[in-house]
Amino acid sequence: MPKILEDSFISGVDQFWVEETQAIRLPAESKLHALVEDVGNHLTRENGMRRLTYHVCESKEVNAFVTPGGHVYVHTGLLNVLETKDELAIVLGHELSHKIASRVFLSFLSFPPQLMVSPHTHLQNTASTTS
């Protein structure tokens, strides 16, 4: 996928979720938002990642997710069942792993098709040259 298309895709997904959650997002000044941002920023800093943008949404759902552009959404329903900052760090770490995986996936889309060869094809080619 050309970089310009990748950037457009990421921007579109991020914009969708910003608009979709506008009515239920807690203000950045709220204590819950500060907690999520503090734990999240600690994780990214300790792992050499760029800072992400955190949102806390008023919802009974026990859920959290990250967009390809690095917006992390945590629902209050999830925060209500967590008992410690360590548990929150586990959840956010899981979401950060999705962010890393999405970058890896998107980077593969920019490979030229001739480089996208399956291991099976490689084994067939090797076998035919050694026979």
N, C-alpha and C. Protein backbone atom coordinates (compact mmCIF):
# COMPACT_ATOMS: atom_id res chain seq x y z
N MET A 1 0.86 -1.17 0.00
CA MET A 1 0.00 0.00 0.00
C MET A 1 0.90 1.23 0.00
N PRO A 2 0.72 2.11 -0.95
CA PRO A 2 1.52 3.34 -0.95
C PRO A 2 1.32 4.14 0.34
N LYS A 3 2.38 4.82 0.76
CA LYS A 3 2.37 5.56 2.02
C LYS A 3 1.20 6.55 2.08
N ILE A 4 0.90 7.21 0.99
CA ILE A 4 -0.19 8.20 1.00
C ILE A 4 -1.53 7.53 1.26
N LEU A 5 -1.74 6.32 0.72
CA LEU A 5 -2.98 5.59 0.99
C LEU A 5 -3.02 5.10 2.43
N GLU A 6 -1.88 4.63 2.92
CA GLU A 6 -1.80 4.18 4.30
C GLU A 6 -2.14 5.33 5.25
N ASP A 7 -1.54 6.49 5.04
CA ASP A 7 -1.81 7.65 5.88
C ASP A 7 -3.28 8.06 5.82
N SER A 8 -3.85 8.01 4.63
CA SER A 8 -5.26 8.37 4.45
C SER A 8 -6.17 7.39 5.19
N PHE A 9 -5.85 6.10 5.10
CA PHE A 9 -6.61 5.07 5.81
C PHE A 9 -6.56 5.30 7.32
N ILE A 10 -5.35 5.48 7.84
CA ILE A 10 -5.17 5.68 9.28
C ILE A 10 -5.92 6.92 9.74
N SER A 11 -5.78 8.01 9.01
CA SER A 11 -6.46 9.26 9.36
C SER A 11 -7.97 9.08 9.35
N GLY A 12 -8.48 8.37 8.36
CA GLY A 12 -9.93 8.15 8.28
C GLY A 12 -10.46 7.33 9.43
N VAL A 13 -9.75 6.27 9.81
CA VAL A 13 -10.17 5.44 10.94
C VAL A 13 -10.15 6.25 12.22
N ASP A 14 -9.07 6.99 12.44
CA ASP A 14 -8.96 7.80 13.65
C ASP A 14 -10.07 8.84 13.72
N GLN A 15 -10.33 9.52 12.62
CA GLN A 15 -11.37 10.55 12.59
C GLN A 15 -12.74 9.95 12.86
N PHE A 16 -13.00 8.75 12.33
CA PHE A 16 -14.28 8.07 12.59
C PHE A 16 -14.49 7.88 14.08
N TRP A 17 -13.47 7.34 14.77
CA TRP A 17 -13.63 7.06 16.20
C TRP A 17 -13.67 8.32 17.05
N VAL A 18 -12.95 9.35 16.67
CA VAL A 18 -13.02 10.62 17.40
C VAL A 18 -14.45 11.15 17.33
N GLU A 19 -15.05 11.11 16.15
CA GLU A 19 -16.42 11.60 15.99
C GLU A 19 -17.43 10.66 16.66
N GLU A 20 -17.23 9.35 16.52
CA GLU A 20 -18.17 8.35 17.05
C GLU A 20 -18.25 8.40 18.58
N THR A 21 -17.15 8.75 19.24
CA THR A 21 -17.12 8.72 20.71
C THR A 21 -17.23 10.11 21.34
N GLN A 22 -17.43 11.12 20.53
CA GLN A 22 -17.42 12.50 21.04
C GLN A 22 -18.39 12.70 22.21
N ALA A 23 -19.59 12.16 22.11
CA ALA A 23 -20.61 12.39 23.13
C ALA A 23 -20.36 11.63 24.43
N ILE A 24 -19.52 10.60 24.39
CA ILE A 24 -19.33 9.78 25.59
C ILE A 24 -17.92 9.87 26.18
N ARG A 25 -17.05 10.66 25.56
CA ARG A 25 -15.69 10.80 26.09
C ARG A 25 -15.68 11.68 27.33
N LEU A 26 -14.94 11.24 28.33
CA LEU A 26 -14.76 12.06 29.53
C LEU A 26 -13.77 13.18 29.21
N PRO A 27 -13.90 14.30 29.90
CA PRO A 27 -12.95 15.40 29.66
C PRO A 27 -11.52 14.98 30.04
N ALA A 28 -10.56 15.56 29.36
CA ALA A 28 -9.15 15.26 29.63
C ALA A 28 -8.76 15.62 31.06
N GLU A 29 -9.53 16.48 31.69
CA GLU A 29 -9.23 16.90 33.06
C GLU A 29 -9.75 15.92 34.11
N SER A 30 -10.51 14.90 33.71
CA SER A 30 -11.08 13.97 34.68
C SER A 30 -9.99 13.10 35.30
N LYS A 31 -10.26 12.62 36.52
CA LYS A 31 -9.30 11.77 37.22
C LYS A 31 -9.06 10.46 36.49
N LEU A 32 -10.12 9.88 35.93
CA LEU A 32 -9.96 8.62 35.21
C LEU A 32 -9.09 8.80 33.96
N HIS A 33 -9.31 9.89 33.26
CA HIS A 33 -8.49 10.16 32.07
C HIS A 33 -7.04 10.34 32.49
N ALA A 34 -6.80 11.09 33.54
CA ALA A 34 -5.43 11.32 34.02
C ALA A 34 -4.76 10.00 34.40
N LEU A 35 -5.51 9.09 35.03
CA LEU A 35 -4.96 7.80 35.42
C LEU A 35 -4.56 6.99 34.19
N VAL A 36 -5.47 6.89 33.21
CA VAL A 36 -5.19 6.13 31.99
C VAL A 36 -4.00 6.73 31.25
N GLU A 37 -3.98 8.03 31.12
CA GLU A 37 -2.90 8.70 30.41
C GLU A 37 -1.56 8.51 31.12
N ASP A 38 -1.57 8.58 32.44
CA ASP A 38 -0.34 8.41 33.22
C ASP A 38 0.24 7.01 33.03
N VAL A 39 -0.60 5.99 33.16
CA VAL A 39 -0.14 4.61 33.01
C VAL A 39 0.29 4.36 31.56
N GLY A 40 -0.51 4.83 30.61
CA GLY A 40 -0.18 4.64 29.20
C GLY A 40 1.12 5.32 28.81
N ASN A 41 1.30 6.55 29.25
CA ASN A 41 2.54 7.27 28.93
C ASN A 41 3.76 6.61 29.56
N HIS A 42 3.59 6.05 30.74
CA HIS A 42 4.69 5.33 31.38
C HIS A 42 5.09 4.13 30.52
N LEU A 43 4.10 3.38 30.04
CA LEU A 43 4.39 2.21 29.21
C LEU A 43 5.10 2.59 27.91
N THR A 44 4.61 3.61 27.24
CA THR A 44 5.23 3.99 25.97
C THR A 44 6.64 4.54 26.20
N ARG A 45 6.81 5.32 27.24
CA ARG A 45 8.14 5.89 27.54
C ARG A 45 9.13 4.76 27.85
N GLU A 46 8.74 3.80 28.67
CA GLU A 46 9.63 2.72 29.07
C GLU A 46 9.96 1.78 27.91
N ASN A 47 9.13 1.79 26.89
CA ASN A 47 9.34 0.89 25.75
C ASN A 47 9.81 1.63 24.50
N GLY A 48 10.20 2.89 24.66
CA GLY A 48 10.75 3.65 23.54
C GLY A 48 9.76 3.94 22.43
N MET A 49 8.49 3.98 22.76
CA MET A 49 7.45 4.27 21.76
C MET A 49 7.08 5.74 21.83
N ARG A 50 6.50 6.24 20.74
CA ARG A 50 6.00 7.61 20.76
C ARG A 50 4.73 7.66 21.61
N ARG A 51 4.44 8.81 22.16
CA ARG A 51 3.25 8.97 22.99
C ARG A 51 2.00 8.76 22.15
N LEU A 52 1.01 8.15 22.76
CA LEU A 52 -0.27 7.92 22.12
C LEU A 52 -1.29 8.88 22.72
N THR A 53 -2.47 8.91 22.15
CA THR A 53 -3.55 9.77 22.63
C THR A 53 -4.57 8.88 23.33
N TYR A 54 -4.92 9.23 24.55
CA TYR A 54 -5.82 8.40 25.36
C TYR A 54 -7.17 9.06 25.51
N HIS A 55 -8.20 8.23 25.46
CA HIS A 55 -9.58 8.68 25.64
C HIS A 55 -10.26 7.71 26.61
N VAL A 56 -11.04 8.24 27.51
CA VAL A 56 -11.87 7.41 28.39
C VAL A 56 -13.31 7.69 28.01
N CYS A 57 -14.06 6.63 27.74
CA CYS A 57 -15.44 6.75 27.30
C CYS A 57 -16.40 6.21 28.34
N GLU A 58 -17.44 6.96 28.61
CA GLU A 58 -18.48 6.54 29.55
C GLU A 58 -19.30 5.45 28.87
N SER A 59 -19.08 4.22 29.30
CA SER A 59 -19.78 3.08 28.72
C SER A 59 -19.71 1.91 29.68
N LYS A 60 -20.78 1.14 29.76
CA LYS A 60 -20.80 -0.04 30.63
C LYS A 60 -20.00 -1.20 30.04
N GLU A 61 -19.64 -1.08 28.78
CA GLU A 61 -18.87 -2.14 28.14
C GLU A 61 -17.51 -2.32 28.82
N VAL A 62 -17.12 -3.56 28.97
CA VAL A 62 -15.79 -3.87 29.50
C VAL A 62 -14.91 -4.02 28.26
N ASN A 63 -14.31 -2.89 27.85
CA ASN A 63 -13.60 -2.88 26.57
C ASN A 63 -12.55 -1.78 26.53
N ALA A 64 -11.56 -2.03 25.70
CA ALA A 64 -10.54 -1.03 25.35
C ALA A 64 -10.08 -1.38 23.95
N PHE A 65 -9.67 -0.38 23.19
CA PHE A 65 -9.15 -0.64 21.85
C PHE A 65 -8.24 0.50 21.43
N VAL A 66 -7.45 0.24 20.38
CA VAL A 66 -6.53 1.24 19.84
C VAL A 66 -6.77 1.34 18.34
N THR A 67 -6.69 2.55 17.82
CA THR A 67 -6.84 2.76 16.38
C THR A 67 -5.46 2.71 15.73
N PRO A 68 -5.41 2.53 14.41
CA PRO A 68 -4.11 2.46 13.74
C PRO A 68 -3.25 3.71 13.95
N GLY A 69 -3.88 4.87 14.17
CA GLY A 69 -3.13 6.10 14.37
C GLY A 69 -2.69 6.35 15.80
N GLY A 70 -3.02 5.43 16.71
CA GLY A 70 -2.54 5.55 18.08
C GLY A 70 -3.48 6.23 19.06
N HIS A 71 -4.77 6.19 18.80
CA HIS A 71 -5.75 6.66 19.77
C HIS A 71 -6.21 5.45 20.58
N VAL A 72 -6.00 5.50 21.89
CA VAL A 72 -6.38 4.40 22.76
C VAL A 72 -7.66 4.79 23.50
N TYR A 73 -8.68 3.94 23.38
CA TYR A 73 -9.98 4.18 24.01
C TYR A 73 -10.18 3.16 25.11
N VAL A 74 -10.53 3.63 26.31
CA VAL A 74 -10.80 2.76 27.44
C VAL A 74 -12.19 3.10 27.96
N HIS A 75 -13.03 2.09 28.10
CA HIS A 75 -14.39 2.31 28.60
C HIS A 75 -14.41 2.29 30.12
N THR A 76 -15.27 3.09 30.70
CA THR A 76 -15.38 3.13 32.16
C THR A 76 -15.84 1.78 32.71
N GLY A 77 -16.60 1.01 31.94
CA GLY A 77 -17.00 -0.33 32.38
C GLY A 77 -15.80 -1.21 32.66
N LEU A 78 -14.75 -1.06 31.87
CA LEU A 78 -13.52 -1.81 32.10
C LEU A 78 -12.80 -1.27 33.33
N LEU A 79 -12.72 0.04 33.42
CA LEU A 79 -12.02 0.64 34.58
C LEU A 79 -12.70 0.25 35.89
N ASN A 80 -14.02 0.05 35.86
CA ASN A 80 -14.75 -0.31 37.08
C ASN A 80 -14.43 -1.71 37.57
N VAL A 81 -13.96 -2.60 36.70
CA VAL A 81 -13.64 -3.96 37.14
C VAL A 81 -12.16 -4.13 37.46
N LEU A 82 -11.33 -3.18 37.06
CA LEU A 82 -9.91 -3.25 37.38
C LEU A 82 -9.70 -2.82 38.82
N GLU A 83 -8.78 -3.48 39.51
CA GLU A 83 -8.55 -3.17 40.92
C GLU A 83 -7.25 -2.41 41.17
N THR A 84 -6.30 -2.50 40.24
CA THR A 84 -5.00 -1.87 40.47
C THR A 84 -4.48 -1.20 39.20
N LYS A 85 -3.49 -0.34 39.38
CA LYS A 85 -2.80 0.26 38.22
C LYS A 85 -2.10 -0.81 37.40
N ASP A 86 -1.63 -1.85 38.06
CA ASP A 86 -0.96 -2.93 37.34
C ASP A 86 -1.92 -3.61 36.37
N GLU A 87 -3.16 -3.81 36.78
CA GLU A 87 -4.15 -4.41 35.89
C GLU A 87 -4.42 -3.49 34.70
N LEU A 88 -4.49 -2.21 34.96
CA LEU A 88 -4.66 -1.24 33.87
C LEU A 88 -3.46 -1.29 32.93
N ALA A 89 -2.26 -1.43 33.49
CA ALA A 89 -1.06 -1.51 32.67
C ALA A 89 -1.09 -2.75 31.77
N ILE A 90 -1.62 -3.85 32.27
CA ILE A 90 -1.74 -5.06 31.46
C ILE A 90 -2.67 -4.81 30.28
N VAL A 91 -3.82 -4.19 30.55
CA VAL A 91 -4.78 -3.90 29.48
C VAL A 91 -4.15 -2.96 28.45
N LEU A 92 -3.53 -1.90 28.91
CA LEU A 92 -2.93 -0.93 27.98
C LEU A 92 -1.76 -1.56 27.21
N GLY A 93 -1.00 -2.40 27.87
CA GLY A 93 0.08 -3.12 27.19
C GLY A 93 -0.46 -4.00 26.07
N HIS A 94 -1.59 -4.62 26.32
CA HIS A 94 -2.25 -5.43 25.29
C HIS A 94 -2.65 -4.56 24.11
N GLU A 95 -3.21 -3.40 24.39
CA GLU A 95 -3.61 -2.48 23.31
C GLU A 95 -2.39 -1.96 22.55
N LEU A 96 -1.29 -1.69 23.26
CA LEU A 96 -0.06 -1.26 22.59
C LEU A 96 0.46 -2.35 21.65
N SER A 97 0.28 -3.60 22.04
CA SER A 97 0.73 -4.69 21.16
C SER A 97 -0.08 -4.70 19.86
N HIS A 98 -1.36 -4.35 19.94
CA HIS A 98 -2.16 -4.24 18.72
C HIS A 98 -1.64 -3.10 17.84
N LYS A 99 -1.24 -2.01 18.45
CA LYS A 99 -0.71 -0.87 17.71
C LYS A 99 0.56 -1.28 16.97
N ILE A 100 1.43 -1.98 17.66
CA ILE A 100 2.68 -2.43 17.04
C ILE A 100 2.36 -3.40 15.90
N ALA A 101 1.45 -4.33 16.14
CA ALA A 101 1.10 -5.32 15.11
C ALA A 101 0.48 -4.65 13.89
N SER A 102 -0.31 -3.62 14.09
CA SER A 102 -0.94 -2.95 12.94
C SER A 102 0.12 -2.26 12.08
N ARG A 103 1.15 -1.70 12.70
CA ARG A 103 2.23 -1.07 11.93
C ARG A 103 2.98 -2.11 11.10
N VAL A 104 3.22 -3.27 11.71
CA VAL A 104 3.92 -4.33 10.99
C VAL A 104 3.07 -4.78 9.80
N PHE A 105 1.77 -5.00 10.04
CA PHE A 105 0.87 -5.43 8.96
C PHE A 105 0.84 -4.40 7.83
N LEU A 106 0.66 -3.13 8.19
CA LEU A 106 0.61 -2.09 7.16
C LEU A 106 1.92 -1.99 6.40
N SER A 107 3.03 -2.23 7.07
CA SER A 107 4.32 -2.15 6.37
C SER A 107 4.45 -3.27 5.33
N PHE A 108 3.86 -4.44 5.60
CA PHE A 108 3.91 -5.52 4.62
C PHE A 108 3.13 -5.18 3.36
N LEU A 109 2.11 -4.35 3.50
CA LEU A 109 1.31 -3.97 2.33
C LEU A 109 2.11 -3.12 1.35
N SER A 110 3.22 -2.55 1.79
CA SER A 110 4.02 -1.72 0.90
C SER A 110 5.10 -2.52 0.16
N PHE A 111 5.24 -3.82 0.48
CA PHE A 111 6.23 -4.64 -0.20
C PHE A 111 5.82 -4.88 -1.65
N PRO A 112 6.77 -4.89 -2.56
CA PRO A 112 6.44 -5.26 -3.95
C PRO A 112 5.92 -6.70 -3.99
N PRO A 113 4.93 -7.00 -4.82
CA PRO A 113 4.34 -8.34 -4.86
C PRO A 113 5.36 -9.46 -5.06
N GLN A 114 6.42 -9.22 -5.83
CA GLN A 114 7.39 -10.28 -6.08
C GLN A 114 8.16 -10.68 -4.82
N LEU A 115 8.14 -9.82 -3.79
CA LEU A 115 8.81 -10.16 -2.53
C LEU A 115 7.88 -10.88 -1.57
N MET A 116 6.59 -10.90 -1.90
CA MET A 116 5.61 -11.54 -1.02
C MET A 116 5.46 -13.00 -1.44
N VAL A 117 6.45 -13.80 -1.10
CA VAL A 117 6.47 -15.20 -1.48
C VAL A 117 6.24 -16.03 -0.22
N SER A 118 5.38 -17.02 -0.33
CA SER A 118 5.09 -17.85 0.84
C SER A 118 6.24 -18.82 1.08
N PRO A 119 6.41 -19.28 2.31
CA PRO A 119 7.45 -20.28 2.59
C PRO A 119 7.22 -21.55 1.78
N HIS A 120 5.96 -21.88 1.53
CA HIS A 120 5.63 -23.08 0.76
C HIS A 120 6.21 -22.97 -0.66
N THR A 121 6.05 -21.81 -1.29
CA THR A 121 6.58 -21.59 -2.64
C THR A 121 8.10 -21.73 -2.62
N HIS A 122 8.74 -21.18 -1.61
CA HIS A 122 10.20 -21.27 -1.50
C HIS A 122 10.63 -22.74 -1.39
N LEU A 123 9.91 -23.52 -0.61
CA LEU A 123 10.26 -24.94 -0.46
C LEU A 123 10.09 -25.69 -1.77
N GLN A 124 9.04 -25.37 -2.53
CA GLN A 124 8.83 -26.01 -3.83
C GLN A 124 9.98 -25.67 -4.78
N ASN A 125 10.38 -24.40 -4.81
CA ASN A 125 11.47 -23.99 -5.70
C ASN A 125 12.78 -24.67 -5.31
N THR A 126 13.03 -24.79 -4.03
CA THR A 126 14.26 -25.45 -3.54
C THR A 126 14.25 -26.91 -3.91
N ALA A 127 13.11 -27.57 -3.72
CA ALA A 127 13.01 -28.99 -4.02
C ALA A 127 13.22 -29.28 -5.49
N SER A 128 12.69 -28.41 -6.36
CA SER A 128 12.80 -28.66 -7.80
C SER A 128 14.23 -28.44 -8.29
N THR A 129 15.03 -27.65 -7.63
CA THR A 129 16.41 -27.42 -8.08
C THR A 129 17.37 -28.47 -7.54
N THR A 130 16.93 -29.19 -6.50
CA THR A 130 17.82 -30.21 -5.93
C THR A 130 17.49 -31.59 -6.45
N SER A 131 16.43 -31.76 -7.20
CA SER A 131 16.02 -33.08 -7.72
C SER A 131 16.77 -33.45 -8.97
